[in-house]
Structure formats: C-alpha cells, structure tokens
Amino acid sequence: MNKRLFVLLIILMSLSLIGIIFVQGYWINNTVENNEEQFSFNAKQILISVSNRIQYREFKEMFYPLQEVLDSVDELDNKTIRQLLNISIDNTTKSFAYANGILDEDYKLSSSFINLNIDTVRLKNILNRNTDSSSGDRRSTFVKKNSKSKLERLRGLTDLQRRDYEILIGDIASYIPIHRRVQEREVEFLLRKELEERDIKVDFEYAIYSNALATKVRSEDFSLDYPTTYAIPLFVNEQGVSEYQLYVNFTGKKQYVLSTIKGMAILSIIFTLIIVVAYSSALSQLMQQRQISQIKTDFINNMTHELKTPIATINLALDSIKNPKISSDPEKVQRYMSMIREENKRMHAQVENVLRISQLEKNELNIKKDRQELHDIIEDAVTHVSLLVENRQGYIKMHLGALKTSVLANDSHLTNVVVNILDNAIKYSEGEPKIDVYTENVKNSIVLKIRDQGIGMSKVAQKKIFEKFFREHTGDLHNVKGHGLGLTYVKRIIDDHHGQIWVETERGKGSTFIIKLPLIS
C-alpha cells in the first residue's frame, strides 16, 4: 500500500472515531440537560399544585363556618362579625394544630377590630353582597341552603362571590401563625402525591419561610443553600403578594436525571468502547501487517543476496574445475571441492533455520529432552565458533562459576541457541570480538550470561530483537549477514525449555544476553 494512502486512511479512520465519540458525548450531555429542564418544569408544576391545594384546603375549611354564620343572622353588626371571625379561627386551629404539639406564638384576636386592622366597612359590604337577599325570610333561606351539601354550596358560588370569600378568608387567616395554617405532614403528603402522579422517584426536603425568615414548618435536613432549590409563594393575596414561600430541595435530582438515561448511556458507552477497541485492534493489525510486509521484503532481499553469493561461488568453482589446468592439479581441485561443500552447507543452514521456525510455529518440531550438563553444552558451542574468533584476533573467555549445572534439555537445540548468540556477538563486533561467558546459580536456576563489547543496539531494537525477521541494519548495505530468524529461534527454544531470555544493551558499549533455565536434581 502506498505510504500516503496508508497515512490518509489512518487519518480518516481516526477522525471518524473521534467524531463518533464526540457525537455520543454530545448526545448524552444534551439528553441530560433536556431531562434536567424537564425535571425543573415538573418541579415547578408540583410546587404550584401543592400551593394551590393548601390554599384551597384552607378556603374550604373556613368557608363553611363563615357561610353558616352569615346565613343564620338577621343583621350584620359588630357582635356578629366577631362571632364569625372567632368561629372561623377556632375551626382552622382545631384542624391544624402544630404536628409536634407545640402551641406557641398563638395570636389572640382582640375584641376590637381596630387592633386587627380589618376594614370593617369592606367586610360588611362583602358579607351583605353575598347574602341571599332574594328571599324575605332569612330563616327559610338558611334552612334551604342547609339542605344542600357543602360541596354543592361551594360550587354554587359565582366567580364574584368566590373572590369575595377568598379576600375575606385571606384577611382573617393572615392573623393565624403559619404552623397552625399548614402542617408538615400535609406538605410532605402533597409533595409525595404529586411526585407519584408524575412517576418521579426522588427524595426531597422542604421548608416554609416568611419574608426570608425560617418558620417551624420544615423538614429536618432542609438547607436554603442547596444548589437546586425551588420556591413557590403560599397564600397569595388579591394584590398577588405573599408573606410566605414554600422552598423544596429535591436532593435526589441528579441521580434521578442520570437514571432516566442510564440504560441508553451505558449501551452507548459499551458500543463506543467496542468500536474503540475494534479500531485500535484493526489499526494495530494494519500497522503490524505493514511492518511484517516490509520485514518480509527485507528478508527476501537479504535471503536472495545471501543465496546468490554461495551459488555464484559454487558456479565459479565448478567452472574452474572444468579448466584443464585446474583439473590436472589435485590440490586445487580439492580446494574448490571444499569450497563448494562449505557453500552448500551454508545454504543448507539458512534453509534449515527457516524450516525450524516454521515447524516451531506449527508445533511440529519434536524436541526430546534429557539430562544435560550446561557447561558441556557451552564448551561445545564455544568450540564451534572459536576459529571465527581467532581469525579476527579476538577471544572468548569462559567464567563458569555455577556449581549446579544439570538441566532438562535437548543437546542439539540448546547448543544451537548458544552458537547463535555467540555468532551474533562476533558479527556485531566492529573490531576484534571480545566475548565473556558467565554462569551462576540463582536459587533453583542456572543463569548464563554472554557479554560482548560490540556495537550494542537501540532501545527499539532491544524490544523487538526476538521478533521474527527483525534485523537492525543500515538499508541494503548488508554489512552484517543474516535474515532475522536466529534470535526468534533462540527465544522459541528457550521458551520450550521453560526458561527465560532477555538482553541488556547500550549503544556503542555492547550487549549481554541472559538465559535463565530451571535446574533438575
């Protein structure tokens, strides 16, 4: 795939994923805001309904005794009005004693209307206007009205009559303390009822304030500083002014709002996470496949280069042997034959490495293990590469300090492991190879360290050194021969022996390969 097209594809996929996440987040946030607005609207409607019900209940409680007094008197003098007021207030206080039985701040009506500051002229006008004057006999009117139910009498009021009674009752009730007009249990009952009717399950705290001053009508945990406090005026007079306000805190508002979208939000987050994981996995696989494709291309180039050299050498040797001058010289023929044999072995070894990796991946490589002495394997491996080291005027020094060396291993494969590591140490040494081999016992294991003073490797190479086809080289210079399979084979063999292998390295200062194998008794 073209590099620009690959980058463009990654950018488009990333932008699409970011867009999906943004849209999901925007949708969830927008839904929460809409639900909060809907909750606030419902809360206001609930408070309005509660306020109206409380005010209507007080109106009904005081209307009936007021009308009975009105229907039973012949003349509206001051004595009758005082009797009317006393009956109304007694009826109200009887119905709404304070819930805890505490009856303080009782207001007592004075016998003088001046002390109550009631406009008696307006009061008499209202009462006279609402008296049934169509009948000459007031007593017969009283009996006729009593024959009707209280509800019918209330419904029979005209709008003007009802308004007059509301003004009258409001004036009288304003002299009654709020805790005798409204009970806590009434407020709580009405709030719960309104919430249930709207299928809203949320906790609340409430309180009634009088001109910003707290009254006794309140729940225990109410706080005016709560961030979501809703308020509604109580007992509004004819001018639209109210002395009392009902405050309600819906303490479970946030949880309720979130619960309304919890199901969809969870599904949205789950599906978004699945998309993110799938995208990440696909991107990782895509980059790995691209990397593998590049590595395989390098591998084919390296393999082709390394096979061409021995093939060309073999062809030259065969052409030389055909030369009559060479064929007549047994020593030269023998030399060229040895060269052909070595080059053939070299090609065979390369093909074997490829086949070994393939068999290891398919679990087809049969590795039989028996008791082996690791020191013997190390000495055998050193013997295999000693000539290469001597030809480059280097050295391999063994510091075999382990006292226990018995391991369960395959002699041939474990020898190949050590040879591969030693061969890399020789290849990646710019000058004379200087290699030290150490062993030591650590608990129930034996640790083998192979340290060189070569070119070392980068941190990136250190992480990928055991990956298939990985090689750290400079382009196509092929300054170090190989095809990136040796250390992959080493890692697979050590894993099969239930061991561990890792590398410690620093650029320009060499590398140390460390192998840890379990001991057997």
Protein backbone atom coordinates (compact mmCIF):
# COMPACT_ATOMS: atom_id res chain seq x y z
CA MET A 1 0.00 0.00 0.00
CA ASN A 2 1.23 3.47 -0.89
CA LYS A 3 2.56 5.30 2.18
CA ARG A 4 0.47 8.44 1.55
CA LEU A 5 -2.66 6.38 1.05
CA PHE A 6 -1.89 4.46 4.25
CA VAL A 7 -1.46 7.68 6.26
CA LEU A 8 -4.63 9.17 4.72
CA LEU A 9 -6.57 6.04 5.64
CA ILE A 10 -5.34 6.22 9.26
CA ILE A 11 -6.26 9.91 9.49
CA LEU A 12 -9.77 9.34 8.12
CA MET A 13 -10.37 6.38 10.45
CA SER A 14 -9.13 8.37 13.44
CA LEU A 15 -11.28 11.39 12.57
CA SER A 16 -14.32 9.13 12.16
CA LEU A 17 -13.73 7.54 15.56
CA ILE A 18 -13.23 10.92 17.24
CA GLY A 19 -16.41 12.14 15.55
CA ILE A 20 -18.39 9.15 16.83
CA ILE A 21 -17.12 9.69 20.38
CA PHE A 22 -17.88 13.42 20.17
CA VAL A 23 -21.41 12.81 18.87
CA GLN A 24 -22.08 10.24 21.61
CA GLY A 25 -20.79 12.61 24.27
CA TYR A 26 -22.82 15.50 22.85
CA TRP A 27 -25.96 13.35 22.73
CA ILE A 28 -25.56 12.20 26.33
CA ASN A 29 -24.83 15.74 27.57
CA ASN A 30 -27.74 17.18 25.58
CA THR A 31 -30.10 14.49 26.89
CA VAL A 32 -29.03 15.20 30.48
CA GLU A 33 -29.65 18.93 30.01
CA ASN A 34 -33.08 18.28 28.46
CA ASN A 35 -34.01 15.93 31.29
CA GLU A 36 -32.86 18.50 33.86
CA GLU A 37 -35.04 21.14 32.19
CA GLN A 38 -37.98 18.72 32.15
CA PHE A 39 -37.38 17.93 35.82
CA SER A 40 -37.29 21.64 36.68
CA PHE A 41 -40.54 22.18 34.78
CA ASN A 42 -42.18 19.27 36.64
CA ALA A 43 -40.82 20.54 39.96
CA LYS A 44 -42.37 23.96 39.38
CA GLN A 45 -45.67 22.40 38.39
CA ILE A 46 -45.57 20.25 41.54
CA LEU A 47 -44.97 23.27 43.78
CA ILE A 48 -47.74 25.24 42.07
CA SER A 49 -50.13 22.35 42.58
CA VAL A 50 -49.14 21.92 46.23
CA SER A 51 -49.53 25.66 46.88
CA ASN A 52 -52.97 25.72 45.24
CA ARG A 53 -54.13 22.66 47.16
CA ILE A 54 -53.03 24.10 50.50
CA GLN A 55 -54.72 27.40 49.79
CA TYR A 56 -57.90 25.68 48.53
CA ARG A 57 -57.99 23.41 51.59
CA GLU A 58 -57.80 26.44 53.89
CA PHE A 59 -60.54 28.15 51.88
CA LYS A 60 -62.86 25.16 52.26
CA GLU A 61 -62.11 24.78 55.96
CA MET A 62 -63.01 28.40 56.66
CA PHE A 63 -65.79 28.92 54.07
CA TYR A 64 -68.40 26.62 55.59
CA PRO A 65 -68.47 28.10 59.12
CA LEU A 66 -68.36 31.60 57.64
CA GLN A 67 -71.38 30.93 55.44
CA GLU A 68 -73.32 29.23 58.25
CA VAL A 69 -72.90 32.29 60.45
CA LEU A 70 -73.80 34.52 57.55
CA ASP A 71 -76.98 32.52 56.78
CA SER A 72 -78.12 32.36 60.39
CA VAL A 73 -78.04 36.06 61.34
CA ASP A 74 -80.57 38.83 60.63
CA GLU A 75 -78.28 41.83 60.96
CA LEU A 76 -74.53 42.14 60.36
CA ASP A 77 -73.48 44.07 63.45
CA ASN A 78 -70.05 44.08 65.13
CA LYS A 79 -71.04 41.34 67.52
CA THR A 80 -71.99 39.03 64.66
CA ILE A 81 -68.76 39.76 62.80
CA ARG A 82 -66.70 38.99 65.96
CA GLN A 83 -68.61 35.73 66.31
CA LEU A 84 -67.99 34.95 62.66
CA LEU A 85 -64.23 35.56 62.97
CA ASN A 86 -63.92 33.56 66.20
CA ILE A 87 -65.73 30.56 64.69
CA SER A 88 -63.55 30.66 61.58
CA ILE A 89 -60.30 30.85 63.53
CA ASP A 90 -61.38 28.19 66.03
CA ASN A 91 -62.25 25.89 63.15
CA THR A 92 -58.89 26.43 61.49
CA THR A 93 -56.80 25.99 64.62
CA LYS A 94 -58.74 22.90 65.53
CA SER A 95 -58.00 21.29 62.22
CA PHE A 96 -54.36 22.31 62.05
CA ALA A 97 -52.73 22.10 65.44
CA TYR A 98 -48.91 22.00 65.25
CA ALA A 99 -47.69 18.47 64.47
CA ASN A 100 -45.38 18.25 67.46
CA GLY A 101 -48.00 19.56 69.86
CA ILE A 102 -46.11 22.80 70.45
CA LEU A 103 -48.61 25.65 70.52
CA ASP A 104 -46.53 28.77 70.98
CA GLU A 105 -46.85 32.17 69.28
CA ASP A 106 -50.67 31.89 69.44
CA TYR A 107 -52.28 35.01 68.23
CA LYS A 108 -55.43 36.04 70.14
CA LEU A 109 -57.99 38.16 68.41
CA SER A 110 -58.80 41.33 70.19
CA SER A 111 -62.39 42.28 70.72
CA SER A 112 -61.58 45.45 68.85
CA PHE A 113 -61.40 45.31 65.06
CA ILE A 114 -59.06 48.27 65.10
CA ASN A 115 -56.37 46.06 66.70
CA LEU A 116 -56.84 43.55 63.91
CA ASN A 117 -56.61 46.32 61.35
CA ILE A 118 -59.53 44.89 59.36
CA ASP A 119 -61.55 47.19 57.16
CA THR A 120 -64.98 46.54 58.74
CA VAL A 121 -66.82 48.58 56.11
CA ARG A 122 -65.43 46.45 53.31
CA LEU A 123 -66.07 43.31 55.35
CA LYS A 124 -69.77 44.23 55.84
CA ASN A 125 -70.10 45.07 52.15
CA ILE A 126 -68.71 41.68 51.16
CA LEU A 127 -70.98 39.85 53.57
CA ASN A 128 -74.04 41.85 52.55
CA ARG A 129 -73.28 41.32 48.87
CA ASN A 130 -73.04 37.57 49.38
CA THR A 131 -76.21 37.32 51.49
CA ASP A 132 -79.12 35.78 49.63
CA SER A 133 -81.47 38.81 49.56
CA SER A 134 -83.88 37.32 47.08
CA SER A 135 -85.91 35.72 49.91
CA GLY A 136 -87.72 37.82 52.50
CA ASP A 137 -87.41 35.15 55.16
CA ARG A 138 -83.70 34.68 56.13
CA ARG A 139 -84.52 31.68 58.31
CA SER A 140 -86.18 29.88 55.41
CA THR A 141 -83.15 30.68 53.24
CA PHE A 142 -80.87 29.24 55.92
CA VAL A 143 -82.88 26.01 56.02
CA LYS A 144 -82.95 25.81 52.22
CA LYS A 145 -79.18 26.21 51.95
CA ASN A 146 -78.52 23.66 54.67
CA SER A 147 -80.48 21.13 52.67
CA LYS A 148 -77.66 21.27 50.11
CA SER A 149 -74.33 19.51 50.62
CA LYS A 150 -71.26 21.56 51.44
CA LEU A 151 -69.77 20.77 48.04
CA GLU A 152 -72.91 21.98 46.25
CA ARG A 153 -72.89 25.18 48.28
CA LEU A 154 -69.25 25.76 47.35
CA ARG A 155 -69.87 25.06 43.69
CA GLY A 156 -72.90 27.34 43.71
CA LEU A 157 -70.77 30.41 44.29
CA THR A 158 -70.39 32.84 41.45
CA ASP A 159 -66.91 34.00 40.48
CA LEU A 160 -67.52 37.33 42.21
CA GLN A 161 -68.81 35.65 45.37
CA ARG A 162 -65.87 33.26 45.43
CA ARG A 163 -63.44 36.10 45.03
CA ASP A 164 -65.08 38.00 47.87
CA TYR A 165 -64.83 35.00 50.18
CA GLU A 166 -61.20 34.44 49.23
CA ILE A 167 -60.37 38.03 50.15
CA LEU A 168 -62.31 37.75 53.42
CA ILE A 169 -60.75 34.41 54.39
CA GLY A 170 -57.29 35.64 53.41
CA ASP A 171 -57.62 38.67 55.66
CA ILE A 172 -58.77 36.57 58.60
CA ALA A 173 -56.20 33.77 58.08
CA SER A 174 -53.33 36.24 57.91
CA TYR A 175 -53.61 36.61 61.70
CA ILE A 176 -53.09 32.89 62.28
CA PRO A 177 -49.47 31.65 62.69
CA ILE A 178 -48.22 29.62 59.74
CA HIS A 179 -47.58 26.46 61.75
CA ARG A 180 -51.33 26.43 62.60
CA ARG A 181 -52.34 27.02 58.99
CA VAL A 182 -50.08 24.36 57.43
CA GLN A 183 -48.85 21.10 58.92
CA GLU A 184 -45.59 19.40 57.97
CA ARG A 185 -47.38 16.15 57.23
CA GLU A 186 -49.71 17.94 54.82
CA VAL A 187 -46.82 19.43 52.82
CA GLU A 188 -44.97 16.11 52.76
CA PHE A 189 -48.11 14.20 51.76
CA LEU A 190 -48.95 16.56 48.91
CA LEU A 191 -45.38 16.59 47.60
CA ARG A 192 -45.19 12.79 47.59
CA LYS A 193 -48.59 12.52 45.92
CA GLU A 194 -47.61 14.93 43.14
CA LEU A 195 -44.32 13.10 42.59
CA GLU A 196 -46.07 9.73 42.41
CA GLU A 197 -48.60 11.06 39.90
CA ARG A 198 -45.71 12.08 37.64
CA ASP A 199 -43.81 8.83 38.31
CA ILE A 200 -40.83 10.70 39.76
CA LYS A 201 -38.94 8.80 42.44
CA VAL A 202 -36.77 11.31 44.23
CA ASP A 203 -36.09 12.39 47.82
CA PHE A 204 -36.83 15.93 48.95
CA GLU A 205 -36.52 18.38 51.84
CA TYR A 206 -38.86 21.35 52.35
CA ALA A 207 -39.42 24.46 54.45
CA ILE A 208 -41.76 27.43 54.63
CA TYR A 209 -40.15 30.86 55.03
CA SER A 210 -41.77 34.14 55.98
CA ASN A 211 -40.06 37.04 54.22
CA ALA A 212 -36.70 35.19 54.18
CA LEU A 213 -37.07 34.08 57.82
CA ALA A 214 -37.45 30.38 58.61
CA THR A 215 -40.65 29.12 60.21
CA LYS A 216 -41.36 25.97 62.18
CA VAL A 217 -42.82 24.22 59.14
CA ARG A 218 -39.75 22.46 57.73
CA SER A 219 -38.09 19.07 57.36
CA GLU A 220 -35.07 18.21 59.48
CA ASP A 221 -32.35 18.32 56.77
CA PHE A 222 -33.54 21.29 54.73
CA SER A 223 -30.87 23.79 53.67
CA LEU A 224 -31.55 27.01 51.81
CA ASP A 225 -28.02 26.86 50.31
CA TYR A 226 -28.74 23.67 48.36
CA PRO A 227 -27.81 24.23 44.67
CA THR A 228 -31.20 23.14 43.29
CA THR A 229 -33.80 24.82 45.50
CA TYR A 230 -37.25 25.52 44.06
CA ALA A 231 -39.64 28.09 45.58
CA ILE A 232 -43.32 28.98 45.28
CA PRO A 233 -45.36 31.65 47.18
CA LEU A 234 -48.07 30.46 49.59
CA PHE A 235 -51.39 32.19 50.36
CA VAL A 236 -51.17 34.86 47.68
CA ASN A 237 -53.48 37.86 48.40
CA GLU A 238 -55.61 39.84 45.96
CA GLN A 239 -52.63 42.04 45.02
CA GLY A 240 -50.58 38.95 44.12
CA VAL A 241 -48.35 39.42 47.17
CA SER A 242 -47.47 36.64 49.59
CA GLU A 243 -45.89 36.71 53.00
CA TYR A 244 -44.86 33.03 52.86
CA GLN A 245 -42.75 30.98 50.46
CA LEU A 246 -42.51 27.21 50.18
CA TYR A 247 -38.97 26.02 49.40
CA VAL A 248 -38.21 22.45 48.27
CA ASN A 249 -34.84 20.75 47.74
CA PHE A 250 -35.00 17.68 45.51
CA THR A 251 -31.91 16.04 46.94
CA GLY A 252 -32.02 13.10 44.54
CA LYS A 253 -32.42 15.20 41.40
CA LYS A 254 -29.02 14.40 39.89
CA GLN A 255 -29.39 10.66 40.48
CA TYR A 256 -32.92 10.72 39.06
CA VAL A 257 -31.91 12.63 35.93
CA LEU A 258 -28.99 10.26 35.31
CA SER A 259 -31.19 7.23 35.94
CA THR A 260 -33.54 8.31 33.16
CA ILE A 261 -30.76 7.92 30.58
CA LYS A 262 -28.69 5.31 32.39
CA GLY A 263 -29.72 2.42 30.16
CA MET A 264 -29.10 4.20 26.86
CA ALA A 265 -25.93 5.86 28.16
CA ILE A 266 -24.46 2.53 29.28
CA LEU A 267 -25.29 0.91 25.94
CA SER A 268 -23.85 3.90 24.11
CA ILE A 269 -20.63 3.78 26.14
CA ILE A 270 -20.32 0.00 25.70
CA PHE A 271 -20.79 0.20 21.92
CA THR A 272 -18.40 3.14 21.72
CA LEU A 273 -15.79 1.19 23.69
CA ILE A 274 -16.29 -1.79 21.37
CA ILE A 275 -15.71 0.50 18.39
CA VAL A 276 -12.60 1.97 20.04
CA VAL A 277 -11.21 -1.48 20.86
CA ALA A 278 -12.03 -2.77 17.38
CA TYR A 279 -10.46 0.31 15.80
CA SER A 280 -7.35 0.03 17.97
CA SER A 281 -7.04 -3.66 17.18
CA ALA A 282 -7.57 -3.08 13.46
CA LEU A 283 -5.06 -0.23 13.45
CA SER A 284 -2.54 -2.32 15.36
CA GLN A 285 -3.03 -5.25 12.99
CA LEU A 286 -2.78 -2.96 9.99
CA MET A 287 0.48 -1.46 11.18
CA GLN A 288 1.84 -4.88 12.12
CA GLN A 289 0.91 -6.26 8.71
CA ARG A 290 2.56 -3.30 7.03
CA GLN A 291 5.64 -3.78 9.19
CA ILE A 292 5.67 -7.53 8.52
CA SER A 293 5.28 -6.85 4.82
CA GLN A 294 8.28 -4.52 4.94
CA ILE A 295 10.28 -7.00 7.04
CA LYS A 296 9.43 -9.85 4.68
CA THR A 297 10.56 -7.73 1.76
CA ASP A 298 13.86 -7.10 3.56
CA PHE A 299 14.06 -10.80 4.39
CA ILE A 300 13.59 -11.79 0.74
CA ASN A 301 16.20 -9.25 -0.33
CA ASN A 302 18.65 -10.49 2.31
CA MET A 303 17.94 -14.14 1.61
CA THR A 304 18.31 -13.61 -2.12
CA HIS A 305 21.57 -11.79 -1.59
CA GLU A 306 22.92 -14.50 0.71
CA LEU A 307 21.86 -17.31 -1.62
CA LYS A 308 23.28 -15.58 -4.66
CA THR A 309 26.72 -15.41 -3.12
CA PRO A 310 27.16 -19.16 -2.43
CA ILE A 311 25.52 -20.04 -5.76
CA ALA A 312 27.88 -17.72 -7.61
CA THR A 313 30.80 -19.14 -5.66
CA ILE A 314 29.77 -22.72 -6.47
CA ASN A 315 29.38 -21.82 -10.19
CA LEU A 316 32.83 -20.24 -10.28
CA ALA A 317 34.34 -23.25 -8.51
CA LEU A 318 32.70 -25.64 -11.00
CA ASP A 319 33.88 -23.54 -13.96
CA SER A 320 37.38 -23.55 -12.51
CA ILE A 321 37.37 -27.33 -12.09
CA LYS A 322 36.42 -27.68 -15.76
CA ASN A 323 39.54 -25.76 -16.70
CA PRO A 324 42.16 -28.36 -17.86
CA LYS A 325 44.91 -26.54 -15.99
CA ILE A 326 42.97 -26.75 -12.70
CA SER A 327 41.60 -30.24 -13.21
CA SER A 328 45.11 -31.56 -13.60
CA ASP A 329 46.10 -30.12 -10.22
CA PRO A 330 44.63 -32.35 -7.43
CA GLU A 331 45.30 -29.78 -4.71
CA LYS A 332 43.37 -27.04 -6.48
CA VAL A 333 40.54 -29.43 -7.29
CA GLN A 334 40.37 -30.42 -3.65
CA ARG A 335 40.35 -26.77 -2.62
CA TYR A 336 37.45 -25.92 -4.95
CA MET A 337 35.57 -29.02 -3.87
CA SER A 338 35.90 -27.96 -0.22
CA MET A 339 34.67 -24.51 -1.16
CA ILE A 340 31.62 -25.99 -2.89
CA ARG A 341 30.93 -28.17 0.13
CA GLU A 342 31.15 -25.20 2.58
CA GLU A 343 28.92 -23.00 0.44
CA ASN A 344 26.44 -25.84 0.16
CA LYS A 345 26.42 -26.20 3.96
CA ARG A 346 25.88 -22.50 4.29
CA MET A 347 22.80 -22.58 2.06
CA HIS A 348 21.56 -25.68 3.84
CA ALA A 349 21.92 -23.95 7.23
CA GLN A 350 19.92 -20.94 6.04
CA VAL A 351 17.11 -23.10 4.73
CA GLU A 352 17.15 -25.15 7.95
CA ASN A 353 16.68 -22.03 10.05
CA VAL A 354 13.61 -21.07 8.04
CA LEU A 355 12.18 -24.59 8.33
CA ARG A 356 12.85 -24.71 12.08
CA ILE A 357 10.90 -21.52 12.70
CA SER A 358 8.02 -22.81 10.58
CA GLN A 359 7.98 -26.11 12.48
CA LEU A 360 8.14 -24.33 15.84
CA GLU A 361 5.15 -22.13 14.94
CA LYS A 362 3.15 -25.20 13.92
CA ASN A 363 4.33 -27.15 17.00
CA GLU A 364 5.70 -29.80 14.64
CA LEU A 365 9.29 -29.66 15.83
CA ASN A 366 9.85 -32.70 18.03
CA ILE A 367 12.23 -31.69 20.83
CA LYS A 368 13.23 -34.59 23.05
CA LYS A 369 14.88 -33.60 26.30
CA ASP A 370 17.05 -35.46 28.73
CA ARG A 371 19.54 -34.63 31.48
CA GLN A 372 22.33 -32.40 30.21
CA GLU A 373 25.22 -30.51 31.77
CA LEU A 374 25.01 -26.89 30.67
CA HIS A 375 28.76 -26.34 31.00
CA ASP A 376 29.40 -29.13 28.49
CA ILE A 377 26.94 -27.54 26.05
CA ILE A 378 28.63 -24.15 26.45
CA GLU A 379 32.10 -25.59 25.84
CA ASP A 380 30.84 -27.41 22.75
CA ALA A 381 29.26 -24.22 21.38
CA VAL A 382 32.45 -22.21 22.02
CA THR A 383 34.41 -24.82 20.06
CA HIS A 384 32.12 -24.28 17.04
CA VAL A 385 32.89 -20.54 16.81
CA SER A 386 36.44 -20.45 18.17
CA LEU A 387 38.06 -20.41 14.71
CA LEU A 388 35.91 -17.43 13.64
CA VAL A 389 37.03 -15.52 16.74
CA GLU A 390 40.70 -16.42 16.22
CA ASN A 391 40.58 -15.32 12.56
CA ARG A 392 39.55 -11.87 13.76
CA GLN A 393 42.14 -11.83 16.55
CA GLY A 394 39.50 -11.82 19.26
CA TYR A 395 38.80 -14.01 22.28
CA ILE A 396 36.11 -15.92 24.13
CA LYS A 397 36.69 -16.27 27.86
CA MET A 398 34.59 -18.63 29.98
CA HIS A 399 33.84 -17.85 33.63
CA LEU A 400 31.79 -20.88 34.60
CA GLY A 401 31.05 -20.27 38.26
CA ALA A 402 27.86 -22.33 38.64
CA LEU A 403 28.18 -25.33 40.94
CA LYS A 404 24.98 -26.98 39.79
CA THR A 405 24.61 -27.31 36.02
CA SER A 406 22.16 -30.16 35.36
CA VAL A 407 19.20 -29.13 33.18
CA LEU A 408 16.47 -30.94 31.26
CA ALA A 409 17.30 -30.03 27.68
CA ASN A 410 17.82 -31.06 24.10
CA ASP A 411 21.56 -31.12 23.48
CA SER A 412 21.41 -30.17 19.80
CA HIS A 413 18.91 -27.31 20.06
CA LEU A 414 20.43 -25.81 23.21
CA THR A 415 23.86 -25.90 21.55
CA ASN A 416 22.38 -24.08 18.55
CA VAL A 417 20.98 -21.45 20.94
CA VAL A 418 24.40 -20.70 22.42
CA VAL A 419 26.05 -20.79 18.97
CA ASN A 420 23.52 -18.31 17.58
CA ILE A 421 24.14 -15.85 20.41
CA LEU A 422 27.93 -16.22 20.12
CA ASP A 423 27.70 -15.83 16.33
CA ASN A 424 25.73 -12.56 16.77
CA ALA A 425 28.33 -11.33 19.26
CA ILE A 426 31.03 -11.95 16.63
CA LYS A 427 29.05 -10.39 13.77
CA TYR A 428 28.16 -7.21 15.66
CA SER A 429 31.70 -6.53 16.91
CA GLU A 430 33.40 -3.92 14.72
CA GLY A 431 36.94 -4.77 15.77
CA GLU A 432 38.27 -7.86 17.49
CA PRO A 433 35.43 -9.85 19.09
CA LYS A 434 35.76 -9.77 22.90
CA ILE A 435 33.28 -12.15 24.47
CA ASP A 436 32.89 -13.29 28.07
CA VAL A 437 30.65 -16.19 29.12
CA TYR A 438 29.46 -16.43 32.74
CA THR A 439 27.35 -18.91 34.68
CA GLU A 440 25.98 -18.76 38.21
CA ASN A 441 23.32 -20.40 40.33
CA VAL A 442 20.32 -18.37 41.48
CA LYS A 443 18.06 -20.39 43.78
CA ASN A 444 16.81 -23.36 41.73
CA SER A 445 18.05 -22.00 38.41
CA ILE A 446 21.23 -21.57 36.43
CA VAL A 447 21.89 -18.24 34.75
CA LEU A 448 24.01 -17.99 31.59
CA LYS A 449 25.34 -14.58 30.55
CA ILE A 450 27.04 -13.94 27.21
CA ARG A 451 28.60 -10.47 27.15
CA ASP A 452 30.22 -8.81 24.17
CA GLN A 453 31.85 -5.42 23.58
CA GLY A 454 30.28 -4.84 20.19
CA ILE A 455 28.16 -2.05 18.75
CA GLY A 456 25.18 -2.66 21.05
CA MET A 457 21.66 -1.79 19.96
CA SER A 458 18.99 0.87 20.33
CA LYS A 459 16.08 0.71 22.78
CA VAL A 460 13.70 -0.02 19.92
CA ALA A 461 15.83 -2.92 18.75
CA GLN A 462 16.09 -4.21 22.33
CA LYS A 463 12.29 -4.55 22.48
CA LYS A 464 11.98 -6.21 19.06
CA ILE A 465 15.15 -8.29 18.91
CA PHE A 466 13.33 -11.61 19.33
CA GLU A 467 10.64 -10.85 16.72
CA LYS A 468 10.64 -12.82 13.50
CA PHE A 469 12.52 -11.21 10.57
CA PHE A 470 13.67 -8.27 12.69
CA ARG A 471 17.16 -7.02 11.93
CA GLU A 472 18.87 -3.79 12.83
CA HIS A 473 20.98 -2.84 9.85
CA THR A 474 21.62 0.11 7.57
CA GLY A 475 19.45 -0.15 4.49
CA ASP A 476 20.66 -2.58 1.82
CA LEU A 477 24.35 -2.42 2.70
CA HIS A 478 24.18 -5.90 4.25
CA ASN A 479 27.22 -5.12 6.33
CA VAL A 480 26.08 -7.93 8.63
CA LYS A 481 24.83 -11.12 7.02
CA GLY A 482 21.62 -12.68 8.31
CA HIS A 483 17.89 -12.88 7.85
CA GLY A 484 16.40 -12.06 11.25
CA LEU A 485 15.44 -15.59 12.28
CA GLY A 486 18.28 -16.63 14.56
CA LEU A 487 17.12 -14.93 17.76
CA THR A 488 13.49 -15.84 17.06
CA TYR A 489 14.60 -19.47 17.01
CA VAL A 490 16.60 -18.89 20.22
CA LYS A 491 13.57 -17.43 22.01
CA ARG A 492 11.27 -20.28 20.94
CA ILE A 493 13.75 -22.95 22.09
CA ILE A 494 14.31 -21.28 25.47
CA ASP A 495 10.52 -20.96 25.95
CA ASP A 496 10.16 -24.66 25.11
CA HIS A 497 12.73 -25.40 27.83
CA HIS A 498 10.63 -23.37 30.34
CA GLY A 499 13.37 -20.80 30.58
CA GLN A 500 13.70 -17.05 30.17
CA ILE A 501 15.88 -14.92 27.94
CA TRP A 502 16.40 -11.17 27.83
CA VAL A 503 19.05 -8.70 26.76
CA GLU A 504 20.79 -5.76 28.42
CA THR A 505 22.41 -3.39 25.98
CA GLU A 506 23.70 0.10 25.39
CA ARG A 507 24.52 1.65 22.05
CA GLY A 508 28.29 1.59 21.45
CA LYS A 509 29.07 -0.43 24.60
CA GLY A 510 27.95 -3.93 23.71
CA SER A 511 25.20 -6.31 24.75
CA THR A 512 24.66 -9.01 27.35
CA PHE A 513 22.27 -11.88 26.61
CA ILE A 514 20.96 -13.54 29.77
CA ILE A 515 19.41 -17.02 29.80
CA LYS A 516 17.78 -18.49 32.90
CA LEU A 517 16.98 -22.24 32.97
CA PRO A 518 15.48 -24.37 35.74
CA LEU A 519 17.79 -26.93 37.37
CA ILE A 520 16.96 -30.58 37.91
CA SER A 521 18.14 -32.56 40.90
